Amino acid sequence: MNANPQEFVRRNTLRGVLALSRNWAIIFVTAAISIWANNIFVYLISVWIIGIFQYAIGEVLLHEASHYNLFRNKKLNDYLEIFYSLPFFVTISQYRAYHLDHHYKMNTEADHLVEDYEILGLKKEEKNMFWIWFIKPILGYAGYFYVRHVIELNPLKSAIQMMLFWIPVFAIFIYLGRIDILLLYWFVPFLWSFSSLFYWSEIAEHYNTKYGTRSDLGFWKNFILHNAGHHNVHHNYPTIPWYLLPKAHKALCPNEGDVSYGFIDTYKKLKELN
């Protein structure tokens, strides 16, 4: 008997709260340890750790909220955007419209990813995938790419929401005389490591796939980033929440889509298809 997809549509508010809490706690603790250590090498490591968990919040869990999967109460997914959307300069409504458009128009000329691949140089006949995958994002291009993505979402319509969030945040740090902490431990990770992870996901999930989507079934990505690698099953069944995606993948579509196992293997798969 085939499994019923509805068996996996079980949203859980407690899991959503715990997932958010874990990520924010790791960010704060990492920043605190780095400040205490006062060492450049510890700082650089902290930037990437913070960026990874920023991505877990501002892309992975934001993505879940856009599908109303983060909390069981549908309205909470919109009302609590202060914890996973506004810190990343987007609103939940903007992200939802942008992302659902991708679902409905995937891999067509109307899909924003098609334009992004042109911008990233992926449509050129002669391209250096090593440069595009490894070097270009960490040299700062990924930050520009994410800022462009935010501008494309037309943030002017949500300027008031952004100001209501960010003006008090800046005011608090200025009052405390520690604006350096906000810049060093939020904006540097945000524009470097978070943006690099965003850049890599934009390429890895659909570019040059044989079957339309690519799942990364590597252990660490899915363990740290709330099963974000289970991309094919998500596209097939977007109402299944993140914590049930591995089971849903095995039960509903175990042999579908392109598959890689980790960051390096994804790069190899991208090269194989070029």
C-alpha atoms as a PDB file:
ATOM      1  CA  MET A   1       0.000   0.000   0.000  1.00  0.00           C
ATOM      2  CA  ASN A   2       1.314   3.437  -0.952  1.00  0.00           C
ATOM      3  CA  ALA A   3       1.768   5.962   1.838  1.00  0.00           C
ATOM      4  CA  ASN A   4      -0.700   8.823   2.095  1.00  0.00           C
ATOM      5  CA  PRO A   5       1.010  12.267   1.995  1.00  0.00           C
ATOM      6  CA  GLN A   6      -1.554  13.581   4.485  1.00  0.00           C
ATOM      7  CA  GLU A   7      -0.024  11.299   7.118  1.00  0.00           C
ATOM      8  CA  PHE A   8       2.983  13.625   7.164  1.00  0.00           C
ATOM      9  CA  VAL A   9       1.128  16.946   7.325  1.00  0.00           C
ATOM     10  CA  ARG A  10       1.452  17.337  11.080  1.00  0.00           C
ATOM     11  CA  ARG A  11       2.534  20.825  12.145  1.00  0.00           C
ATOM     12  CA  ASN A  12       3.850  21.224  15.653  1.00  0.00           C
ATOM     13  CA  THR A  13       4.154  24.619  17.352  1.00  0.00           C
ATOM     14  CA  LEU A  14       6.457  23.344  20.094  1.00  0.00           C
ATOM     15  CA  ARG A  15       8.916  22.022  17.500  1.00  0.00           C
ATOM     16  CA  GLY A  16       8.858  25.395  15.769  1.00  0.00           C
ATOM     17  CA  VAL A  17       9.578  27.255  18.993  1.00  0.00           C
ATOM     18  CA  LEU A  18      12.377  24.843  19.926  1.00  0.00           C
ATOM     19  CA  ALA A  19      13.963  25.100  16.477  1.00  0.00           C
ATOM     20  CA  LEU A  20      13.985  28.894  16.615  1.00  0.00           C
ATOM     21  CA  SER A  21      15.227  28.918  20.201  1.00  0.00           C
ATOM     22  CA  ARG A  22      18.106  26.558  19.405  1.00  0.00           C
ATOM     23  CA  ASN A  23      19.335  28.708  16.549  1.00  0.00           C
ATOM     24  CA  TRP A  24      19.089  32.033  18.375  1.00  0.00           C
ATOM     25  CA  ALA A  25      20.754  30.552  21.466  1.00  0.00           C
ATOM     26  CA  ILE A  26      23.706  29.285  19.420  1.00  0.00           C
ATOM     27  CA  ILE A  27      24.121  32.701  17.793  1.00  0.00           C
ATOM     28  CA  PHE A  28      24.165  34.531  21.127  1.00  0.00           C
ATOM     29  CA  VAL A  29      26.454  32.001  22.822  1.00  0.00           C
ATOM     30  CA  THR A  30      28.882  31.994  19.871  1.00  0.00           C
ATOM     31  CA  ALA A  31      29.063  35.794  19.892  1.00  0.00           C
ATOM     32  CA  ALA A  32      29.613  35.829  23.655  1.00  0.00           C
ATOM     33  CA  ILE A  33      32.461  33.293  23.454  1.00  0.00           C
ATOM     34  CA  SER A  34      34.130  35.236  20.648  1.00  0.00           C
ATOM     35  CA  ILE A  35      33.886  38.531  22.540  1.00  0.00           C
ATOM     36  CA  TRP A  36      35.337  36.859  25.624  1.00  0.00           C
ATOM     37  CA  ALA A  37      38.175  35.211  23.652  1.00  0.00           C
ATOM     38  CA  ASN A  38      39.067  38.472  21.859  1.00  0.00           C
ATOM     39  CA  ASN A  39      40.995  36.562  19.200  1.00  0.00           C
ATOM     40  CA  ILE A  40      40.852  37.125  15.429  1.00  0.00           C
ATOM     41  CA  PHE A  41      40.846  33.410  14.606  1.00  0.00           C
ATOM     42  CA  VAL A  42      38.053  32.716  17.078  1.00  0.00           C
ATOM     43  CA  TYR A  43      36.173  35.647  15.575  1.00  0.00           C
ATOM     44  CA  LEU A  44      36.455  34.317  12.010  1.00  0.00           C
ATOM     45  CA  ILE A  45      35.193  30.911  13.134  1.00  0.00           C
ATOM     46  CA  SER A  46      32.358  32.601  15.027  1.00  0.00           C
ATOM     47  CA  VAL A  47      31.355  34.539  11.902  1.00  0.00           C
ATOM     48  CA  TRP A  48      30.763  31.304  10.010  1.00  0.00           C
ATOM     49  CA  ILE A  49      29.019  29.570  12.898  1.00  0.00           C
ATOM     50  CA  ILE A  50      26.693  32.556  13.348  1.00  0.00           C
ATOM     51  CA  GLY A  51      26.077  32.754   9.603  1.00  0.00           C
ATOM     52  CA  ILE A  52      25.123  29.084   9.460  1.00  0.00           C
ATOM     53  CA  PHE A  53      22.513  29.524  12.170  1.00  0.00           C
ATOM     54  CA  GLN A  54      21.356  32.825  10.681  1.00  0.00           C
ATOM     55  CA  TYR A  55      20.672  30.802   7.545  1.00  0.00           C
ATOM     56  CA  ALA A  56      18.832  28.177   9.594  1.00  0.00           C
ATOM     57  CA  ILE A  57      16.555  30.984  10.803  1.00  0.00           C
ATOM     58  CA  GLY A  58      16.362  33.478   7.946  1.00  0.00           C
ATOM     59  CA  GLU A  59      16.068  31.019   5.090  1.00  0.00           C
ATOM     60  CA  VAL A  60      15.140  27.545   6.348  1.00  0.00           C
ATOM     61  CA  LEU A  61      12.631  28.396   9.086  1.00  0.00           C
ATOM     62  CA  LEU A  62      11.412  31.480   7.226  1.00  0.00           C
ATOM     63  CA  HIS A  63      10.759  29.153   4.308  1.00  0.00           C
ATOM     64  CA  GLU A  64       8.773  26.855   6.622  1.00  0.00           C
ATOM     65  CA  ALA A  65       6.716  29.801   7.856  1.00  0.00           C
ATOM     66  CA  SER A  66       6.002  30.866   4.273  1.00  0.00           C
ATOM     67  CA  HIS A  67       4.294  27.495   3.787  1.00  0.00           C
ATOM     68  CA  TYR A  68       2.543  27.790   7.183  1.00  0.00           C
ATOM     69  CA  ASN A  69       4.573  24.810   8.407  1.00  0.00           C
ATOM     70  CA  LEU A  70       6.501  26.407  11.273  1.00  0.00           C
ATOM     71  CA  PHE A  71       3.576  26.679  13.695  1.00  0.00           C
ATOM     72  CA  ARG A  72       0.306  24.804  13.871  1.00  0.00           C
ATOM     73  CA  ASN A  73      -1.650  28.035  14.290  1.00  0.00           C
ATOM     74  CA  LYS A  74      -1.590  29.462  10.776  1.00  0.00           C
ATOM     75  CA  LYS A  75      -1.637  33.112  11.903  1.00  0.00           C
ATOM     76  CA  LEU A  76       1.446  32.663  14.095  1.00  0.00           C
ATOM     77  CA  ASN A  77       3.526  32.060  10.981  1.00  0.00           C
ATOM     78  CA  ASP A  78       2.822  35.687  10.016  1.00  0.00           C
ATOM     79  CA  TYR A  79       2.630  37.318  13.441  1.00  0.00           C
ATOM     80  CA  LEU A  80       6.031  36.086  14.643  1.00  0.00           C
ATOM     81  CA  GLU A  81       8.046  37.297  11.644  1.00  0.00           C
ATOM     82  CA  ILE A  82      10.074  39.492  14.001  1.00  0.00           C
ATOM     83  CA  PHE A  83      12.004  36.321  14.938  1.00  0.00           C
ATOM     84  CA  TYR A  84      12.867  34.983  11.460  1.00  0.00           C
ATOM     85  CA  SER A  85      11.994  37.456   8.732  1.00  0.00           C
ATOM     86  CA  LEU A  86      12.518  41.125   9.654  1.00  0.00           C
ATOM     87  CA  PRO A  87      16.094  40.576  10.943  1.00  0.00           C
ATOM     88  CA  PHE A  88      16.934  39.538   7.375  1.00  0.00           C
ATOM     89  CA  PHE A  89      15.322  42.557   5.696  1.00  0.00           C
ATOM     90  CA  VAL A  90      12.310  40.779   4.235  1.00  0.00           C
ATOM     91  CA  THR A  91       8.732  40.402   5.375  1.00  0.00           C
ATOM     92  CA  ILE A  92       6.977  37.069   5.493  1.00  0.00           C
ATOM     93  CA  SER A  93       4.403  38.240   2.930  1.00  0.00           C
ATOM     94  CA  GLN A  94       7.139  39.304   0.492  1.00  0.00           C
ATOM     95  CA  TYR A  95       9.014  36.046   0.882  1.00  0.00           C
ATOM     96  CA  ARG A  96       5.848  33.959   0.529  1.00  0.00           C
ATOM     97  CA  ALA A  97       4.773  35.610  -2.719  1.00  0.00           C
ATOM     98  CA  TYR A  98       8.296  35.315  -4.144  1.00  0.00           C
ATOM     99  CA  HIS A  99       8.758  31.707  -3.081  1.00  0.00           C
ATOM    100  CA  LEU A 100       5.338  30.384  -4.099  1.00  0.00           C
ATOM    101  CA  ASP A 101       5.878  31.935  -7.498  1.00  0.00           C
ATOM    102  CA  HIS A 102       8.977  29.750  -7.757  1.00  0.00           C
ATOM    103  CA  HIS A 103       6.932  26.655  -6.859  1.00  0.00           C
ATOM    104  CA  TYR A 104       4.288  27.311  -9.471  1.00  0.00           C
ATOM    105  CA  LYS A 105       6.688  28.339 -12.251  1.00  0.00           C
ATOM    106  CA  MET A 106       9.715  26.191 -11.435  1.00  0.00           C
ATOM    107  CA  ASN A 107      12.418  26.092 -14.121  1.00  0.00           C
ATOM    108  CA  THR A 108      10.416  28.252 -16.543  1.00  0.00           C
ATOM    109  CA  GLU A 109      11.395  31.685 -17.820  1.00  0.00           C
ATOM    110  CA  ALA A 110       9.037  33.138 -15.186  1.00  0.00           C
ATOM    111  CA  ASP A 111      11.041  31.479 -12.392  1.00  0.00           C
ATOM    112  CA  HIS A 112      13.415  33.982 -10.745  1.00  0.00           C
ATOM    113  CA  LEU A 113      16.135  31.316 -10.588  1.00  0.00           C
ATOM    114  CA  VAL A 114      16.440  31.300 -14.368  1.00  0.00           C
ATOM    115  CA  GLU A 115      17.363  35.001 -14.286  1.00  0.00           C
ATOM    116  CA  ASP A 116      19.663  34.406 -11.310  1.00  0.00           C
ATOM    117  CA  TYR A 117      21.609  31.752 -13.215  1.00  0.00           C
ATOM    118  CA  GLU A 118      22.172  34.251 -16.000  1.00  0.00           C
ATOM    119  CA  ILE A 119      23.459  36.832 -13.498  1.00  0.00           C
ATOM    120  CA  LEU A 120      25.739  34.299 -11.791  1.00  0.00           C
ATOM    121  CA  GLY A 121      27.353  33.367 -15.105  1.00  0.00           C
ATOM    122  CA  LEU A 122      25.982  29.827 -15.111  1.00  0.00           C
ATOM    123  CA  LYS A 123      24.522  30.092 -18.601  1.00  0.00           C
ATOM    124  CA  LYS A 124      27.804  30.924 -20.261  1.00  0.00           C
ATOM    125  CA  GLU A 125      29.196  28.208 -22.503  1.00  0.00           C
ATOM    126  CA  GLU A 126      32.667  28.790 -21.075  1.00  0.00           C
ATOM    127  CA  LYS A 127      32.428  29.015 -17.288  1.00  0.00           C
ATOM    128  CA  ASN A 128      34.698  28.180 -14.405  1.00  0.00           C
ATOM    129  CA  MET A 129      32.575  26.218 -11.944  1.00  0.00           C
ATOM    130  CA  PHE A 130      35.373  26.173  -9.383  1.00  0.00           C
ATOM    131  CA  TRP A 131      35.399  29.988  -9.369  1.00  0.00           C
ATOM    132  CA  ILE A 132      31.601  30.249  -9.302  1.00  0.00           C
ATOM    133  CA  TRP A 133      31.117  27.639  -6.557  1.00  0.00           C
ATOM    134  CA  PHE A 134      34.086  28.087  -4.223  1.00  0.00           C
ATOM    135  CA  ILE A 135      35.691  31.497  -4.722  1.00  0.00           C
ATOM    136  CA  LYS A 136      33.140  34.028  -5.951  1.00  0.00           C
ATOM    137  CA  PRO A 137      30.730  33.894  -3.003  1.00  0.00           C
ATOM    138  CA  ILE A 138      33.298  34.126  -0.200  1.00  0.00           C
ATOM    139  CA  LEU A 139      35.038  37.095  -1.833  1.00  0.00           C
ATOM    140  CA  GLY A 140      31.918  39.135  -1.118  1.00  0.00           C
ATOM    141  CA  TYR A 141      29.776  38.584  -4.188  1.00  0.00           C
ATOM    142  CA  ALA A 142      27.259  36.548  -2.183  1.00  0.00           C
ATOM    143  CA  GLY A 143      26.490  39.594  -0.027  1.00  0.00           C
ATOM    144  CA  TYR A 144      25.771  41.670  -3.125  1.00  0.00           C
ATOM    145  CA  PHE A 145      23.660  38.833  -4.517  1.00  0.00           C
ATOM    146  CA  TYR A 146      21.510  38.669  -1.376  1.00  0.00           C
ATOM    147  CA  VAL A 147      21.070  42.457  -1.215  1.00  0.00           C
ATOM    148  CA  ARG A 148      19.959  42.376  -4.842  1.00  0.00           C
ATOM    149  CA  HIS A 149      17.513  39.600  -3.925  1.00  0.00           C
ATOM    150  CA  VAL A 150      16.071  41.761  -1.118  1.00  0.00           C
ATOM    151  CA  ILE A 151      15.713  44.776  -3.413  1.00  0.00           C
ATOM    152  CA  GLU A 152      13.954  42.581  -5.971  1.00  0.00           C
ATOM    153  CA  LEU A 153      11.357  41.775  -3.321  1.00  0.00           C
ATOM    154  CA  ASN A 154      10.456  45.492  -3.356  1.00  0.00           C
ATOM    155  CA  PRO A 155      11.238  46.318   0.297  1.00  0.00           C
ATOM    156  CA  LEU A 156       9.946  49.899  -0.128  1.00  0.00           C
ATOM    157  CA  LYS A 157       6.453  48.550   0.461  1.00  0.00           C
ATOM    158  CA  SER A 158       7.571  47.324   3.878  1.00  0.00           C
ATOM    159  CA  ALA A 159       9.782  50.257   4.840  1.00  0.00           C
ATOM    160  CA  ILE A 160       7.711  51.052   7.912  1.00  0.00           C
ATOM    161  CA  GLN A 161       7.988  47.481   9.210  1.00  0.00           C
ATOM    162  CA  MET A 162      11.747  47.509   8.659  1.00  0.00           C
ATOM    163  CA  MET A 163      12.164  50.842  10.440  1.00  0.00           C
ATOM    164  CA  LEU A 164       9.993  49.738  13.353  1.00  0.00           C
ATOM    165  CA  PHE A 165      12.270  46.744  13.786  1.00  0.00           C
ATOM    166  CA  TRP A 166      15.718  48.128  13.041  1.00  0.00           C
ATOM    167  CA  ILE A 167      15.569  51.657  14.516  1.00  0.00           C
ATOM    168  CA  PRO A 168      15.022  50.345  18.075  1.00  0.00           C
ATOM    169  CA  VAL A 169      17.735  47.701  17.569  1.00  0.00           C
ATOM    170  CA  PHE A 170      20.287  50.294  16.454  1.00  0.00           C
ATOM    171  CA  ALA A 171      19.141  52.698  19.177  1.00  0.00           C
ATOM    172  CA  ILE A 172      19.737  50.091  21.902  1.00  0.00           C
ATOM    173  CA  PHE A 173      23.252  49.266  20.705  1.00  0.00           C
ATOM    174  CA  ILE A 174      24.130  52.955  20.264  1.00  0.00           C
ATOM    175  CA  TYR A 175      22.820  53.727  23.753  1.00  0.00           C
ATOM    176  CA  LEU A 176      24.971  50.921  25.172  1.00  0.00           C
ATOM    177  CA  GLY A 177      27.960  52.199  23.229  1.00  0.00           C
ATOM    178  CA  ARG A 178      28.397  48.801  21.532  1.00  0.00           C
ATOM    179  CA  ILE A 179      27.307  49.322  17.934  1.00  0.00           C
ATOM    180  CA  ASP A 180      30.491  47.398  17.054  1.00  0.00           C
ATOM    181  CA  ILE A 181      28.923  44.201  18.417  1.00  0.00           C
ATOM    182  CA  LEU A 182      25.890  44.563  16.164  1.00  0.00           C
ATOM    183  CA  LEU A 183      28.080  45.183  13.122  1.00  0.00           C
ATOM    184  CA  LEU A 184      30.667  42.485  13.852  1.00  0.00           C
ATOM    185  CA  TYR A 185      28.335  39.759  15.083  1.00  0.00           C
ATOM    186  CA  TRP A 186      25.238  40.320  12.960  1.00  0.00           C
ATOM    187  CA  PHE A 187      26.032  42.194   9.782  1.00  0.00           C
ATOM    188  CA  VAL A 188      29.416  40.651   8.973  1.00  0.00           C
ATOM    189  CA  PRO A 189      28.058  37.066   9.261  1.00  0.00           C
ATOM    190  CA  PHE A 190      24.876  38.152   7.494  1.00  0.00           C
ATOM    191  CA  LEU A 191      26.660  39.608   4.468  1.00  0.00           C
ATOM    192  CA  TRP A 192      29.366  36.946   4.306  1.00  0.00           C
ATOM    193  CA  SER A 193      28.522  33.469   5.584  1.00  0.00           C
ATOM    194  CA  PHE A 194      24.711  33.666   5.601  1.00  0.00           C
ATOM    195  CA  SER A 195      24.729  35.154   2.105  1.00  0.00           C
ATOM    196  CA  SER A 196      27.187  32.517   0.871  1.00  0.00           C
ATOM    197  CA  LEU A 197      24.886  29.738   2.080  1.00  0.00           C
ATOM    198  CA  PHE A 198      21.968  31.458   0.357  1.00  0.00           C
ATOM    199  CA  TYR A 199      24.027  31.749  -2.848  1.00  0.00           C
ATOM    200  CA  TRP A 200      25.008  28.063  -2.782  1.00  0.00           C
ATOM    201  CA  SER A 201      21.433  26.907  -2.197  1.00  0.00           C
ATOM    202  CA  GLU A 202      20.163  28.981  -5.110  1.00  0.00           C
ATOM    203  CA  ILE A 203      22.544  27.091  -7.394  1.00  0.00           C
ATOM    204  CA  ALA A 204      22.451  23.621  -5.868  1.00  0.00           C
ATOM    205  CA  GLU A 205      18.721  23.036  -5.596  1.00  0.00           C
ATOM    206  CA  HIS A 206      17.832  23.314  -9.300  1.00  0.00           C
ATOM    207  CA  TYR A 207      20.727  24.265 -11.547  1.00  0.00           C
ATOM    208  CA  ASN A 208      21.496  21.768 -14.329  1.00  0.00           C
ATOM    209  CA  THR A 209      19.413  18.994 -12.799  1.00  0.00           C
ATOM    210  CA  LYS A 210      18.199  16.037 -14.809  1.00  0.00           C
ATOM    211  CA  TYR A 211      14.861  15.833 -13.015  1.00  0.00           C
ATOM    212  CA  GLY A 212      14.182  19.435 -11.970  1.00  0.00           C
ATOM    213  CA  THR A 213      15.264  19.384  -8.303  1.00  0.00           C
ATOM    214  CA  ARG A 214      18.347  18.307  -6.390  1.00  0.00           C
ATOM    215  CA  SER A 215      18.255  16.940  -2.848  1.00  0.00           C
ATOM    216  CA  ASP A 216      21.347  17.038  -0.649  1.00  0.00           C
ATOM    217  CA  LEU A 217      21.012  14.012   1.611  1.00  0.00           C
ATOM    218  CA  GLY A 218      24.268  14.601   3.467  1.00  0.00           C
ATOM    219  CA  PHE A 219      23.926  14.133   7.228  1.00  0.00           C
ATOM    220  CA  TRP A 220      25.365  17.389   8.561  1.00  0.00           C
ATOM    221  CA  LYS A 221      23.404  19.767   6.360  1.00  0.00           C
ATOM    222  CA  ASN A 222      20.124  18.160   7.303  1.00  0.00           C
ATOM    223  CA  PHE A 223      21.050  17.820  10.973  1.00  0.00           C
ATOM    224  CA  ILE A 224      22.062  21.474  11.365  1.00  0.00           C
ATOM    225  CA  LEU A 225      19.683  23.081   8.862  1.00  0.00           C
ATOM    226  CA  HIS A 226      16.396  21.368   9.714  1.00  0.00           C
ATOM    227  CA  ASN A 227      16.363  18.898   6.794  1.00  0.00           C
ATOM    228  CA  ALA A 228      16.812  21.674   4.241  1.00  0.00           C
ATOM    229  CA  GLY A 229      18.493  19.196   1.898  1.00  0.00           C
ATOM    230  CA  HIS A 230      15.279  17.243   1.305  1.00  0.00           C
ATOM    231  CA  HIS A 231      14.300  19.466  -1.570  1.00  0.00           C
ATOM    232  CA  ASN A 232      12.564  17.122  -3.975  1.00  0.00           C
ATOM    233  CA  VAL A 233      10.014  15.834  -1.477  1.00  0.00           C
ATOM    234  CA  HIS A 234       9.346  19.429  -0.413  1.00  0.00           C
ATOM    235  CA  HIS A 235       8.531  20.465  -3.970  1.00  0.00           C
ATOM    236  CA  ASN A 236       6.213  17.505  -4.343  1.00  0.00           C
ATOM    237  CA  TYR A 237       4.517  17.990  -0.969  1.00  0.00           C
ATOM    238  CA  PRO A 238       5.130  21.552   0.310  1.00  0.00           C
ATOM    239  CA  THR A 239       2.671  21.218   3.212  1.00  0.00           C
ATOM    240  CA  ILE A 240       4.862  18.625   4.975  1.00  0.00           C
ATOM    241  CA  PRO A 241       6.845  20.299   7.799  1.00  0.00           C
ATOM    242  CA  TRP A 242      10.622  20.092   7.950  1.00  0.00           C
ATOM    243  CA  TYR A 243      10.940  17.532  10.725  1.00  0.00           C
ATOM    244  CA  LEU A 244       8.963  14.902   8.772  1.00  0.00           C
ATOM    245  CA  LEU A 245      10.705  15.379   5.423  1.00  0.00           C
ATOM    246  CA  PRO A 246      13.182  12.454   5.818  1.00  0.00           C
ATOM    247  CA  LYS A 247      10.366   9.997   6.570  1.00  0.00           C
ATOM    248  CA  ALA A 248       8.226  11.464   3.809  1.00  0.00           C
ATOM    249  CA  HIS A 249      11.120  11.160   1.355  1.00  0.00           C
ATOM    250  CA  LYS A 250      11.537   7.456   2.123  1.00  0.00           C
ATOM    251  CA  ALA A 251       7.820   6.751   1.998  1.00  0.00           C
ATOM    252  CA  LEU A 252       6.685   8.901  -0.908  1.00  0.00           C
ATOM    253  CA  CYS A 253       9.529   9.505  -3.372  1.00  0.00           C
ATOM    254  CA  PRO A 254      12.750   7.693  -2.380  1.00  0.00           C
ATOM    255  CA  ASN A 255      14.083   7.405  -5.925  1.00  0.00           C
ATOM    256  CA  GLU A 256      13.002  10.719  -7.413  1.00  0.00           C
ATOM    257  CA  GLY A 257      15.037  13.765  -8.356  1.00  0.00           C
ATOM    258  CA  ASP A 258      18.763  14.397  -8.492  1.00  0.00           C
ATOM    259  CA  VAL A 259      20.682  13.555  -5.320  1.00  0.00           C
ATOM    260  CA  SER A 260      24.009  14.639  -3.833  1.00  0.00           C
ATOM    261  CA  TYR A 261      25.661  13.977  -0.479  1.00  0.00           C
ATOM    262  CA  GLY A 262      27.288  17.094   0.881  1.00  0.00           C
ATOM    263  CA  PHE A 263      28.923  20.290  -0.361  1.00  0.00           C
ATOM    264  CA  ILE A 264      31.778  18.737  -2.349  1.00  0.00           C
ATOM    265  CA  ASP A 265      29.589  16.055  -3.908  1.00  0.00           C
ATOM    266  CA  THR A 266      27.140  18.736  -5.028  1.00  0.00           C
ATOM    267  CA  TYR A 267      29.992  20.544  -6.770  1.00  0.00           C
ATOM    268  CA  LYS A 268      31.009  17.294  -8.490  1.00  0.00           C
ATOM    269  CA  LYS A 269      27.442  16.755  -9.684  1.00  0.00           C
ATOM    270  CA  LEU A 270      27.261  20.290 -11.038  1.00  0.00           C
ATOM    271  CA  LYS A 271      30.498  19.726 -12.968  1.00  0.00           C
ATOM    272  CA  GLU A 272      29.357  16.357 -14.318  1.00  0.00           C
ATOM    273  CA  LEU A 273      26.404  17.997 -16.004  1.00  0.00           C
ATOM    274  CA  ASN A 274      28.380  20.767 -17.652  1.00  0.00           C
END
